Amino acid sequence: MRRPPSTARDLALVAVFAALVAALSLTPGIPVAFGVPITLQTLGVALAGLILGPWRGFAAVVLYVAVGLAGLPVFAQGGAGLGTLAGPTAGYLVSFPVMALVAGLAARWAVRRGGRRMPTVLVGGAVVASLAVNHTVGVAGLMLNAKLSLPAAVVADLAFVPGDLVKDVLAGLVAAVVHRAFPALLGATRASADAGELA
C-alpha cells in the first residue's frame, strides 16, 4: 500500500543524505589529476539519487553544495567557499545535483518495475549519471578553469573513471538492498508485489 507523502520525513532524508555526502567527501583520498584525490564523494552523490529518487536526491546534493559554497569545509580535502568554483575540478562539483537527479530517475524507473533486473538497472543508472553528467561537465570545467585542450582534459578525466565505476557499482548494489527492504521509499507499489519473486 502506498504511503502518503510526508514533508517532515522528506526533509529529514534530504538533510541526512546531505550530511552523508559531506562525510564521504572528507574521507582520505588518493591524489590523482591536479593533486585532487579520489574520495567517496561521488559514492554519496550516487546513493542520494538512487535511494531518495530524483527530486529528494537533487535537493540533498544541492543542500550539500550550498553549504560548502557558503563556507563550511565539506568539500574534498576540506575545501569550501565560492573560490572552489574557480578551481580546476569545479565542473565535477557543480554537476553533482544533476548527477543525483539522473541517477534518481533511473532508480524510480527500476524500483517501480522491481524484478531481478533492478540491481542491474540501478548500477546502470549510476554509471550513466557518472559518465554522462559528472565526467562530461567535469571535462568542461577542466577546459574552462585549467585552460586545457579537450584531449588533455579528457586524459586528465580518465584518472577518475575507474574509481568512479567501482563506486557506481557499489552504490547500485547498496540501493538495491535498501529498496528491497523499503519498497515504498520511492512510492513504488509494484516492487512490493515482486518481493515474493526475489525471495
Protein backbone atom coordinates (compact mmCIF):
# COMPACT_ATOMS: atom_id res chain seq x y z
CA MET A 1 0.00 0.00 0.00
CA ARG A 2 1.37 3.37 -0.97
CA ARG A 3 2.12 5.72 1.90
CA PRO A 4 1.00 9.34 1.79
CA PRO A 5 3.87 11.78 1.32
CA SER A 6 5.45 13.19 4.46
CA THR A 7 7.13 16.58 4.19
CA ALA A 8 8.88 16.14 7.53
CA ARG A 9 10.25 12.74 6.53
CA ASP A 10 11.39 14.06 3.15
CA LEU A 11 13.20 16.99 4.77
CA ALA A 12 14.86 14.65 7.24
CA LEU A 13 16.02 12.33 4.45
CA VAL A 14 17.37 15.27 2.44
CA ALA A 15 19.32 16.53 5.46
CA VAL A 16 20.68 13.07 6.30
CA PHE A 17 21.91 12.43 2.78
CA ALA A 18 23.46 15.89 2.50
CA ALA A 19 25.38 15.04 5.66
CA LEU A 20 26.31 11.63 4.22
CA VAL A 21 27.76 13.21 1.07
CA ALA A 22 29.73 15.63 3.26
CA ALA A 23 31.08 12.82 5.44
CA LEU A 24 32.11 10.72 2.44
CA SER A 25 33.74 13.76 0.82
CA LEU A 26 36.10 14.14 3.76
CA THR A 27 37.39 10.57 3.73
CA PRO A 28 41.11 10.27 2.98
CA GLY A 29 41.66 10.05 -0.76
CA ILE A 30 44.21 9.03 -3.35
CA PRO A 31 45.66 12.08 -5.18
CA VAL A 32 45.38 11.89 -8.97
CA ALA A 33 44.94 14.70 -11.52
CA PHE A 34 45.93 18.17 -10.24
CA GLY A 35 46.58 16.65 -6.83
CA VAL A 36 42.82 16.18 -6.38
CA PRO A 37 42.13 12.90 -4.56
CA ILE A 38 39.75 10.13 -5.44
CA THR A 39 37.38 10.13 -2.45
CA LEU A 40 33.98 8.62 -1.69
CA GLN A 41 32.27 11.91 -2.59
CA THR A 42 30.64 10.65 -5.78
CA LEU A 43 29.53 7.50 -3.97
CA GLY A 44 27.46 9.71 -1.68
CA VAL A 45 26.01 11.64 -4.63
CA ALA A 46 25.03 8.42 -6.41
CA LEU A 47 23.49 6.98 -3.25
CA ALA A 48 21.44 10.14 -2.71
CA GLY A 49 19.88 9.84 -6.15
CA LEU A 50 19.49 6.08 -6.20
CA ILE A 51 17.94 5.85 -2.73
CA LEU A 52 15.95 9.08 -2.44
CA GLY A 53 14.84 9.36 -6.05
CA PRO A 54 15.28 12.28 -8.44
CA TRP A 55 13.92 15.27 -6.55
CA ARG A 56 14.88 14.46 -2.97
CA GLY A 57 18.29 13.28 -4.19
CA PHE A 58 18.70 16.50 -6.15
CA ALA A 59 17.67 18.55 -3.10
CA ALA A 60 20.08 16.69 -0.80
CA VAL A 61 23.04 17.33 -3.09
CA VAL A 62 22.02 20.96 -3.70
CA LEU A 63 21.99 21.40 0.09
CA TYR A 64 25.45 19.84 0.34
CA VAL A 65 26.88 22.07 -2.40
CA ALA A 66 25.20 25.18 -0.99
CA VAL A 67 26.59 24.54 2.50
CA GLY A 68 30.08 24.10 1.06
CA LEU A 69 29.88 27.24 -1.07
CA ALA A 70 28.65 29.12 1.99
CA GLY A 71 31.94 28.34 3.71
CA LEU A 72 31.61 25.08 5.65
CA PRO A 73 34.59 22.80 4.83
CA VAL A 74 32.62 19.89 3.43
CA PHE A 75 34.22 19.52 0.01
CA ALA A 76 37.09 17.12 -0.75
CA GLN A 77 40.24 17.94 1.26
CA GLY A 78 38.18 20.28 3.45
CA GLY A 79 37.59 22.75 0.65
CA ALA A 80 34.91 25.39 0.95
CA GLY A 81 33.74 28.77 -0.30
CA LEU A 82 32.94 30.34 -3.64
CA GLY A 83 36.61 30.16 -4.58
CA THR A 84 36.18 26.46 -5.32
CA LEU A 85 34.22 27.44 -8.41
CA ALA A 86 37.45 28.81 -9.89
CA GLY A 87 39.33 25.56 -9.27
CA PRO A 88 40.17 23.04 -12.00
CA THR A 89 37.63 20.49 -10.77
CA ALA A 90 34.72 22.90 -10.26
CA GLY A 91 32.83 21.23 -13.11
CA TYR A 92 32.61 17.99 -11.18
CA LEU A 93 31.24 19.82 -8.14
CA VAL A 94 28.54 21.79 -9.95
CA SER A 95 27.41 18.66 -11.79
CA PHE A 96 26.65 16.76 -8.58
CA PRO A 97 22.97 17.80 -8.21
CA VAL A 98 22.19 16.85 -11.81
CA MET A 99 24.10 13.59 -11.38
CA ALA A 100 21.86 12.74 -8.41
CA LEU A 101 18.78 13.72 -10.42
CA VAL A 102 19.66 11.44 -13.33
CA ALA A 103 20.52 8.54 -11.02
CA GLY A 104 17.24 9.14 -9.20
CA LEU A 105 15.21 8.96 -12.41
CA ALA A 106 16.80 5.61 -13.20
CA ALA A 107 16.10 4.43 -9.65
CA ARG A 108 12.45 5.40 -9.79
CA TRP A 109 12.02 3.52 -13.07
CA ALA A 110 13.85 0.46 -11.73
CA VAL A 111 12.11 0.29 -8.38
CA ARG A 112 8.61 0.71 -9.77
CA ARG A 113 9.21 -2.26 -12.02
CA GLY A 114 11.01 -4.36 -9.44
CA GLY A 115 12.16 -7.78 -10.54
CA ARG A 116 15.53 -9.45 -10.70
CA ARG A 117 16.99 -6.80 -13.01
CA MET A 118 16.56 -3.98 -10.51
CA PRO A 119 20.19 -4.07 -9.25
CA THR A 120 21.49 -4.04 -12.83
CA VAL A 121 19.32 -1.05 -13.74
CA LEU A 122 20.39 0.79 -10.58
CA VAL A 123 24.06 0.19 -11.35
CA GLY A 124 23.48 1.25 -14.96
CA GLY A 125 21.73 4.41 -13.82
CA ALA A 126 24.65 5.30 -11.59
CA VAL A 127 27.14 4.69 -14.39
CA VAL A 128 25.18 6.82 -16.87
CA ALA A 129 24.80 9.64 -14.33
CA SER A 130 28.51 9.48 -13.59
CA LEU A 131 29.85 9.35 -17.12
CA ALA A 132 27.25 11.40 -18.99
CA VAL A 133 26.82 14.11 -16.36
CA ASN A 134 29.64 14.24 -13.82
CA HIS A 135 32.52 13.47 -16.16
CA THR A 136 31.18 15.46 -19.10
CA VAL A 137 30.71 18.61 -17.02
CA GLY A 138 33.99 17.87 -15.24
CA VAL A 139 35.85 17.87 -18.56
CA ALA A 140 34.21 21.19 -19.45
CA GLY A 141 35.38 22.60 -16.13
CA LEU A 142 38.94 21.44 -16.76
CA MET A 143 38.88 23.18 -20.12
CA LEU A 144 37.45 26.39 -18.67
CA ASN A 145 39.35 26.73 -15.38
CA ALA A 146 42.55 24.80 -16.09
CA LYS A 147 42.77 26.03 -19.70
CA LEU A 148 43.25 22.52 -21.03
CA SER A 149 42.50 21.44 -24.57
CA LEU A 150 39.70 18.92 -24.99
CA PRO A 151 42.09 15.96 -25.49
CA ALA A 152 44.17 16.98 -22.46
CA ALA A 153 41.05 17.42 -20.33
CA VAL A 154 39.73 14.00 -21.35
CA VAL A 155 43.07 12.38 -20.48
CA ALA A 156 43.06 14.10 -17.06
CA ASP A 157 39.48 12.99 -16.50
CA LEU A 158 40.29 9.36 -17.27
CA ALA A 159 42.21 9.16 -13.99
CA PHE A 160 38.90 9.40 -12.12
CA VAL A 161 36.91 6.94 -14.24
CA PRO A 162 38.00 3.53 -12.83
CA GLY A 163 37.38 4.55 -9.23
CA ASP A 164 34.04 6.11 -10.09
CA LEU A 165 32.89 2.97 -11.89
CA VAL A 166 33.66 0.90 -8.80
CA LYS A 167 31.69 3.37 -6.68
CA ASP A 168 28.80 3.28 -9.15
CA VAL A 169 28.56 -0.49 -8.87
CA LEU A 170 28.70 -0.30 -5.08
CA ALA A 171 26.04 2.43 -4.98
CA GLY A 172 23.72 0.42 -7.23
CA LEU A 173 24.05 -2.72 -5.15
CA VAL A 174 23.52 -0.86 -1.87
CA ALA A 175 20.49 0.93 -3.30
CA ALA A 176 19.01 -2.39 -4.44
CA VAL A 177 19.25 -3.77 -0.91
CA VAL A 178 17.66 -0.62 0.53
CA HIS A 179 14.76 -0.65 -1.93
CA ARG A 180 14.06 -4.32 -1.39
CA ALA A 181 13.92 -3.67 2.35
CA PHE A 182 11.85 -0.48 1.96
CA PRO A 183 9.89 -0.83 -1.31
CA ALA A 184 7.69 2.20 -0.54
CA LEU A 185 10.64 4.57 -0.22
CA LEU A 186 10.10 5.89 -3.75
CA GLY A 187 6.35 5.43 -3.68
CA ALA A 188 6.70 2.14 -5.52
CA THR A 189 3.82 -0.29 -5.45
CA ARG A 190 4.87 -2.96 -7.91
CA ALA A 191 8.13 -3.61 -6.10
CA SER A 192 6.18 -4.97 -3.15
CA ALA A 193 4.35 -7.40 -5.40
CA ASP A 194 7.65 -8.55 -6.86
CA ALA A 195 9.21 -9.21 -3.47
CA GLY A 196 7.99 -12.79 -3.50
CA GLU A 197 9.67 -13.35 -6.86
CA LEU A 198 13.01 -12.32 -5.38
CA ALA A 199 12.73 -14.41 -2.25
